[in-house]
Amino acid sequence: MTSDEYAAALEDERRARNERAKYVVRDVGPGRWFLVRQNGAQQAWGITSYTTPETAQLAADILNRLKEDEA
């Protein structure tokens, strides 16, 4: 495997890992938005709830960006 092929394989692995799970915001009722980690099969695990959708979305955006940088 050449170094270019190896770099391409690492990039493919990073992209696949980033696509597997994402942090998303769900509206769960009046005045409550829930931040969840959701996998490709749409299964989700709750993390915390927020009282404003903007704060919840900001948290999701930051966590998704950190996840991308980590990969």
PDB file of N, CA and C in Angstrom:
ATOM      1  N   MET A   1       0.860  -1.171   0.000  1.00  0.00           N
ATOM      2  CA  MET A   1       0.000   0.000   0.000  1.00  0.00           C
ATOM      3  C   MET A   1       0.908   1.236   0.000  1.00  0.00           C
ATOM      4  N   THR A   2       0.665   2.119  -0.944  1.00  0.00           N
ATOM      5  CA  THR A   2       1.463   3.349  -1.023  1.00  0.00           C
ATOM      6  C   THR A   2       0.986   4.336   0.034  1.00  0.00           C
ATOM      7  N   SER A   3       1.757   5.374   0.242  1.00  0.00           N
ATOM      8  CA  SER A   3       1.368   6.373   1.240  1.00  0.00           C
ATOM      9  C   SER A   3       0.100   7.111   0.823  1.00  0.00           C
ATOM     10  N   ASP A   4      -0.095   7.319  -0.471  1.00  0.00           N
ATOM     11  CA  ASP A   4      -1.325   7.956  -0.948  1.00  0.00           C
ATOM     12  C   ASP A   4      -2.538   7.065  -0.719  1.00  0.00           C
ATOM     13  N   GLU A   5      -2.381   5.768  -0.971  1.00  0.00           N
ATOM     14  CA  GLU A   5      -3.479   4.823  -0.727  1.00  0.00           C
ATOM     15  C   GLU A   5      -3.796   4.749   0.762  1.00  0.00           C
ATOM     16  N   TYR A   6      -2.746   4.773   1.575  1.00  0.00           N
ATOM     17  CA  TYR A   6      -2.941   4.737   3.022  1.00  0.00           C
ATOM     18  C   TYR A   6      -3.680   5.987   3.508  1.00  0.00           C
ATOM     19  N   ALA A   7      -3.286   7.152   2.997  1.00  0.00           N
ATOM     20  CA  ALA A   7      -3.958   8.405   3.365  1.00  0.00           C
ATOM     21  C   ALA A   7      -5.417   8.385   2.933  1.00  0.00           C
ATOM     22  N   ALA A   8      -5.685   7.845   1.742  1.00  0.00           N
ATOM     23  CA  ALA A   8      -7.068   7.747   1.253  1.00  0.00           C
ATOM     24  C   ALA A   8      -7.879   6.794   2.124  1.00  0.00           C
ATOM     25  N   ALA A   9      -7.280   5.690   2.534  1.00  0.00           N
ATOM     26  CA  ALA A   9      -7.982   4.728   3.397  1.00  0.00           C
ATOM     27  C   ALA A   9      -8.293   5.351   4.750  1.00  0.00           C
ATOM     28  N   LEU A  10      -7.362   6.111   5.300  1.00  0.00           N
ATOM     29  CA  LEU A  10      -7.612   6.798   6.575  1.00  0.00           C
ATOM     30  C   LEU A  10      -8.734   7.821   6.443  1.00  0.00           C
ATOM     31  N   GLU A  11      -8.750   8.548   5.343  1.00  0.00           N
ATOM     32  CA  GLU A  11      -9.801   9.535   5.113  1.00  0.00           C
ATOM     33  C   GLU A  11     -11.161   8.855   4.971  1.00  0.00           C
ATOM     34  N   ASP A  12     -11.222   7.730   4.269  1.00  0.00           N
ATOM     35  CA  ASP A  12     -12.471   6.978   4.136  1.00  0.00           C
ATOM     36  C   ASP A  12     -12.962   6.499   5.494  1.00  0.00           C
ATOM     37  N   GLU A  13     -12.043   6.021   6.323  1.00  0.00           N
ATOM     38  CA  GLU A  13     -12.405   5.562   7.662  1.00  0.00           C
ATOM     39  C   GLU A  13     -12.912   6.718   8.517  1.00  0.00           C
ATOM     40  N   ARG A  14     -12.267   7.880   8.438  1.00  0.00           N
ATOM     41  CA  ARG A  14     -12.690   9.062   9.195  1.00  0.00           C
ATOM     42  C   ARG A  14     -14.087   9.493   8.758  1.00  0.00           C
ATOM     43  N   ARG A  15     -14.324   9.511   7.459  1.00  0.00           N
ATOM     44  CA  ARG A  15     -15.625   9.921   6.937  1.00  0.00           C
ATOM     45  C   ARG A  15     -16.721   8.952   7.392  1.00  0.00           C
ATOM     46  N   ALA A  16     -16.448   7.664   7.338  1.00  0.00           N
ATOM     47  CA  ALA A  16     -17.429   6.661   7.772  1.00  0.00           C
ATOM     48  C   ALA A  16     -17.719   6.793   9.261  1.00  0.00           C
ATOM     49  N   ARG A  17     -16.691   7.042  10.058  1.00  0.00           N
ATOM     50  CA  ARG A  17     -16.883   7.189  11.500  1.00  0.00           C
ATOM     51  C   ARG A  17     -17.723   8.416  11.813  1.00  0.00           C
ATOM     52  N   ASN A  18     -17.529   9.500  11.076  1.00  0.00           N
ATOM     53  CA  ASN A  18     -18.304  10.716  11.300  1.00  0.00           C
ATOM     54  C   ASN A  18     -19.759  10.558  10.877  1.00  0.00           C
ATOM     55  N   GLU A  19     -20.016   9.705   9.899  1.00  0.00           N
ATOM     56  CA  GLU A  19     -21.385   9.517   9.429  1.00  0.00           C
ATOM     57  C   GLU A  19     -22.188   8.589  10.326  1.00  0.00           C
ATOM     58  N   ARG A  20     -21.530   7.799  11.148  1.00  0.00           N
ATOM     59  CA  ARG A  20     -22.235   6.818  11.977  1.00  0.00           C
ATOM     60  C   ARG A  20     -23.122   7.458  13.032  1.00  0.00           C
ATOM     61  N   ALA A  21     -22.639   8.442  13.734  1.00  0.00           N
ATOM     62  CA  ALA A  21     -23.430   9.045  14.807  1.00  0.00           C
ATOM     63  C   ALA A  21     -23.315  10.560  14.735  1.00  0.00           C
ATOM     64  N   LYS A  22     -24.426  11.223  15.027  1.00  0.00           N
ATOM     65  CA  LYS A  22     -24.460  12.678  15.042  1.00  0.00           C
ATOM     66  C   LYS A  22     -25.250  13.137  16.262  1.00  0.00           C
ATOM     67  N   TYR A  23     -24.963  14.339  16.691  1.00  0.00           N
ATOM     68  CA  TYR A  23     -25.730  14.961  17.764  1.00  0.00           C
ATOM     69  C   TYR A  23     -26.831  15.783  17.118  1.00  0.00           C
ATOM     70  N   VAL A  24     -28.058  15.540  17.538  1.00  0.00           N
ATOM     71  CA  VAL A  24     -29.204  16.243  16.975  1.00  0.00           C
ATOM     72  C   VAL A  24     -30.097  16.748  18.101  1.00  0.00           C
ATOM     73  N   VAL A  25     -30.956  17.698  17.760  1.00  0.00           N
ATOM     74  CA  VAL A  25     -31.880  18.288  18.720  1.00  0.00           C
ATOM     75  C   VAL A  25     -33.289  17.832  18.373  1.00  0.00           C
ATOM     76  N   ARG A  26     -34.011  17.381  19.377  1.00  0.00           N
ATOM     77  CA  ARG A  26     -35.412  16.964  19.191  1.00  0.00           C
ATOM     78  C   ARG A  26     -36.320  17.820  20.059  1.00  0.00           C
ATOM     79  N   ASP A  27     -37.410  18.264  19.473  1.00  0.00           N
ATOM     80  CA  ASP A  27     -38.431  19.014  20.202  1.00  0.00           C
ATOM     81  C   ASP A  27     -39.284  17.992  20.941  1.00  0.00           C
ATOM     82  N   VAL A  28     -39.266  18.035  22.272  1.00  0.00           N
ATOM     83  CA  VAL A  28     -39.991  17.029  23.051  1.00  0.00           C
ATOM     84  C   VAL A  28     -41.191  17.605  23.793  1.00  0.00           C
ATOM     85  N   GLY A  29     -41.560  18.800  23.481  1.00  0.00           N
ATOM     86  CA  GLY A  29     -42.733  19.378  24.129  1.00  0.00           C
ATOM     87  C   GLY A  29     -42.553  20.868  24.337  1.00  0.00           C
ATOM     88  N   PRO A  30     -43.566  21.479  24.897  1.00  0.00           N
ATOM     89  CA  PRO A  30     -43.513  22.927  25.097  1.00  0.00           C
ATOM     90  C   PRO A  30     -42.318  23.339  25.972  1.00  0.00           C
ATOM     91  N   GLY A  31     -41.435  24.124  25.386  1.00  0.00           N
ATOM     92  CA  GLY A  31     -40.318  24.659  26.150  1.00  0.00           C
ATOM     93  C   GLY A  31     -39.207  23.677  26.461  1.00  0.00           C
ATOM     94  N   ARG A  32     -39.153  22.520  25.754  1.00  0.00           N
ATOM     95  CA  ARG A  32     -38.093  21.534  26.013  1.00  0.00           C
ATOM     96  C   ARG A  32     -37.536  21.001  24.709  1.00  0.00           C
ATOM     97  N   TRP A  33     -36.242  21.075  24.600  1.00  0.00           N
ATOM     98  CA  TRP A  33     -35.525  20.513  23.463  1.00  0.00           C
ATOM     99  C   TRP A  33     -34.472  19.584  24.020  1.00  0.00           C
ATOM    100  N   PHE A  34     -34.391  18.409  23.443  1.00  0.00           N
ATOM    101  CA  PHE A  34     -33.518  17.366  23.963  1.00  0.00           C
ATOM    102  C   PHE A  34     -32.348  17.152  23.011  1.00  0.00           C
ATOM    103  N   LEU A  35     -31.140  17.189  23.534  1.00  0.00           N
ATOM    104  CA  LEU A  35     -29.951  16.897  22.756  1.00  0.00           C
ATOM    105  C   LEU A  35     -29.689  15.404  22.842  1.00  0.00           C
ATOM    106  N   VAL A  36     -29.618  14.749  21.679  1.00  0.00           N
ATOM    107  CA  VAL A  36     -29.409  13.302  21.646  1.00  0.00           C
ATOM    108  C   VAL A  36     -28.274  12.964  20.689  1.00  0.00           C
ATOM    109  N   ARG A  37     -27.666  11.822  20.923  1.00  0.00           N
ATOM    110  CA  ARG A  37     -26.675  11.268  19.989  1.00  0.00           C
ATOM    111  C   ARG A  37     -27.407  10.184  19.214  1.00  0.00           C
ATOM    112  N   GLN A  38     -27.469  10.345  17.896  1.00  0.00           N
ATOM    113  CA  GLN A  38     -28.258   9.463  17.041  1.00  0.00           C
ATOM    114  C   GLN A  38     -27.354   8.718  16.073  1.00  0.00           C
ATOM    115  N   ASN A  39     -27.555   7.404  15.968  1.00  0.00           N
ATOM    116  CA  ASN A  39     -26.730   6.612  15.048  1.00  0.00           C
ATOM    117  C   ASN A  39     -27.412   6.502  13.684  1.00  0.00           C
ATOM    118  N   GLY A  40     -26.772   5.799  12.774  1.00  0.00           N
ATOM    119  CA  GLY A  40     -27.291   5.667  11.422  1.00  0.00           C
ATOM    120  C   GLY A  40     -28.627   4.960  11.327  1.00  0.00           C
ATOM    121  N   ALA A  41     -28.959   4.135  12.318  1.00  0.00           N
ATOM    122  CA  ALA A  41     -30.235   3.422  12.341  1.00  0.00           C
ATOM    123  C   ALA A  41     -31.329   4.243  13.023  1.00  0.00           C
ATOM    124  N   GLN A  42     -31.053   5.516  13.285  1.00  0.00           N
ATOM    125  CA  GLN A  42     -31.989   6.440  13.923  1.00  0.00           C
ATOM    126  C   GLN A  42     -32.251   6.127  15.391  1.00  0.00           C
ATOM    127  N   GLN A  43     -31.450   5.259  15.998  1.00  0.00           N
ATOM    128  CA  GLN A  43     -31.545   5.039  17.434  1.00  0.00           C
ATOM    129  C   GLN A  43     -30.874   6.222  18.100  1.00  0.00           C
ATOM    130  N   ALA A  44     -31.417   6.656  19.237  1.00  0.00           N
ATOM    131  CA  ALA A  44     -30.869   7.847  19.883  1.00  0.00           C
ATOM    132  C   ALA A  44     -30.736   7.635  21.386  1.00  0.00           C
ATOM    133  N   TRP A  45     -29.712   8.266  21.925  1.00  0.00           N
ATOM    134  CA  TRP A  45     -29.462   8.247  23.359  1.00  0.00           C
ATOM    135  C   TRP A  45     -29.475   9.680  23.841  1.00  0.00           C
ATOM    136  N   GLY A  46     -30.316   9.956  24.823  1.00  0.00           N
ATOM    137  CA  GLY A  46     -30.445  11.306  25.339  1.00  0.00           C
ATOM    138  C   GLY A  46     -29.217  11.745  26.110  1.00  0.00           C
ATOM    139  N   ILE A  47     -28.903  13.012  25.964  1.00  0.00           N
ATOM    140  CA  ILE A  47     -27.770  13.584  26.680  1.00  0.00           C
ATOM    141  C   ILE A  47     -28.267  14.566  27.724  1.00  0.00           C
ATOM    142  N   THR A  48     -29.015  15.563  27.290  1.00  0.00           N
ATOM    143  CA  THR A  48     -29.549  16.558  28.221  1.00  0.00           C
ATOM    144  C   THR A  48     -30.655  17.338  27.537  1.00  0.00           C
ATOM    145  N   SER A  49     -31.397  18.120  28.310  1.00  0.00           N
ATOM    146  CA  SER A  49     -32.455  18.939  27.720  1.00  0.00           C
ATOM    147  C   SER A  49     -32.128  20.416  27.912  1.00  0.00           C
ATOM    148  N   TYR A  50     -32.689  21.232  27.036  1.00  0.00           N
ATOM    149  CA  TYR A  50     -32.486  22.677  27.056  1.00  0.00           C
ATOM    150  C   TYR A  50     -33.830  23.374  27.000  1.00  0.00           C
ATOM    151  N   THR A  51     -33.853  24.634  27.418  1.00  0.00           N
ATOM    152  CA  THR A  51     -35.103  25.399  27.404  1.00  0.00           C
ATOM    153  C   THR A  51     -35.227  26.278  26.174  1.00  0.00           C
ATOM    154  N   THR A  52     -34.151  26.433  25.401  1.00  0.00           N
ATOM    155  CA  THR A  52     -34.230  27.193  24.152  1.00  0.00           C
ATOM    156  C   THR A  52     -33.648  26.356  23.013  1.00  0.00           C
ATOM    157  N   PRO A  53     -34.262  26.401  21.855  1.00  0.00           N
ATOM    158  CA  PRO A  53     -33.759  25.612  20.732  1.00  0.00           C
ATOM    159  C   PRO A  53     -32.392  26.094  20.250  1.00  0.00           C
ATOM    160  N   GLU A  54     -32.132  27.392  20.390  1.00  0.00           N
ATOM    161  CA  GLU A  54     -30.841  27.931  19.952  1.00  0.00           C
ATOM    162  C   GLU A  54     -29.684  27.362  20.771  1.00  0.00           C
ATOM    163  N   THR A  55     -29.863  27.263  22.076  1.00  0.00           N
ATOM    164  CA  THR A  55     -28.819  26.717  22.942  1.00  0.00           C
ATOM    165  C   THR A  55     -28.604  25.236  22.639  1.00  0.00           C
ATOM    166  N   ALA A  56     -29.682  24.516  22.460  1.00  0.00           N
ATOM    167  CA  ALA A  56     -29.575  23.091  22.146  1.00  0.00           C
ATOM    168  C   ALA A  56     -28.848  22.887  20.821  1.00  0.00           C
ATOM    169  N   GLN A  57     -29.192  23.693  19.801  1.00  0.00           N
ATOM    170  CA  GLN A  57     -28.550  23.554  18.497  1.00  0.00           C
ATOM    171  C   GLN A  57     -27.080  23.943  18.566  1.00  0.00           C
ATOM    172  N   LEU A  58     -26.756  24.957  19.348  1.00  0.00           N
ATOM    173  CA  LEU A  58     -25.358  25.355  19.521  1.00  0.00           C
ATOM    174  C   LEU A  58     -24.549  24.213  20.135  1.00  0.00           C
ATOM    175  N   ALA A  59     -25.101  23.572  21.148  1.00  0.00           N
ATOM    176  CA  ALA A  59     -24.420  22.430  21.784  1.00  0.00           C
ATOM    177  C   ALA A  59     -24.232  21.298  20.779  1.00  0.00           C
ATOM    178  N   ALA A  60     -25.253  20.998  19.983  1.00  0.00           N
ATOM    179  CA  ALA A  60     -25.153  19.938  18.977  1.00  0.00           C
ATOM    180  C   ALA A  60     -24.088  20.278  17.940  1.00  0.00           C
ATOM    181  N   ASP A  61     -24.059  21.532  17.489  1.00  0.00           N
ATOM    182  CA  ASP A  61     -23.073  21.950  16.492  1.00  0.00           C
ATOM    183  C   ASP A  61     -21.649  21.820  17.026  1.00  0.00           C
ATOM    184  N   ILE A  62     -21.448  22.235  18.264  1.00  0.00           N
ATOM    185  CA  ILE A  62     -20.114  22.145  18.872  1.00  0.00           C
ATOM    186  C   ILE A  62     -19.685  20.685  19.015  1.00  0.00           C
ATOM    187  N   LEU A  63     -20.582  19.840  19.509  1.00  0.00           N
ATOM    188  CA  LEU A  63     -20.238  18.431  19.684  1.00  0.00           C
ATOM    189  C   LEU A  63     -19.964  17.737  18.351  1.00  0.00           C
ATOM    190  N   ASN A  64     -20.747  18.063  17.323  1.00  0.00           N
ATOM    191  CA  ASN A  64     -20.507  17.478  15.997  1.00  0.00           C
ATOM    192  C   ASN A  64     -19.160  17.939  15.445  1.00  0.00           C
ATOM    193  N   ARG A  65     -18.826  19.198  15.665  1.00  0.00           N
ATOM    194  CA  ARG A  65     -17.533  19.708  15.187  1.00  0.00           C
ATOM    195  C   ARG A  65     -16.378  19.029  15.935  1.00  0.00           C
ATOM    196  N   LEU A  66     -16.517  18.869  17.241  1.00  0.00           N
ATOM    197  CA  LEU A  66     -15.474  18.176  18.019  1.00  0.00           C
ATOM    198  C   LEU A  66     -15.307  16.737  17.557  1.00  0.00           C
ATOM    199  N   LYS A  67     -16.419  16.090  17.251  1.00  0.00           N
ATOM    200  CA  LYS A  67     -16.395  14.708  16.783  1.00  0.00           C
ATOM    201  C   LYS A  67     -15.641  14.623  15.442  1.00  0.00           C
ATOM    202  N   GLU A  68     -15.883  15.583  14.557  1.00  0.00           N
ATOM    203  CA  GLU A  68     -15.196  15.612  13.269  1.00  0.00           C
ATOM    204  C   GLU A  68     -13.701  15.837  13.459  1.00  0.00           C
ATOM    205  N   ASP A  69     -13.354  16.765  14.328  1.00  0.00           N
ATOM    206  CA  ASP A  69     -11.939  17.070  14.562  1.00  0.00           C
ATOM    207  C   ASP A  69     -11.219  15.884  15.188  1.00  0.00           C
ATOM    208  N   GLU A  70     -11.934  15.146  16.053  1.00  0.00           N
ATOM    209  CA  GLU A  70     -11.328  14.000  16.720  1.00  0.00           C
ATOM    210  C   GLU A  70     -10.994  12.887  15.739  1.00  0.00           C
ATOM    211  N   ALA A  71     -11.899  12.711  14.770  1.00  0.00           N
ATOM    212  CA  ALA A  71     -11.697  11.655  13.773  1.00  0.00           C
ATOM    213  C   ALA A  71     -10.568  12.048  12.878  1.00  0.00           C
TER     214      ALA A  71
END
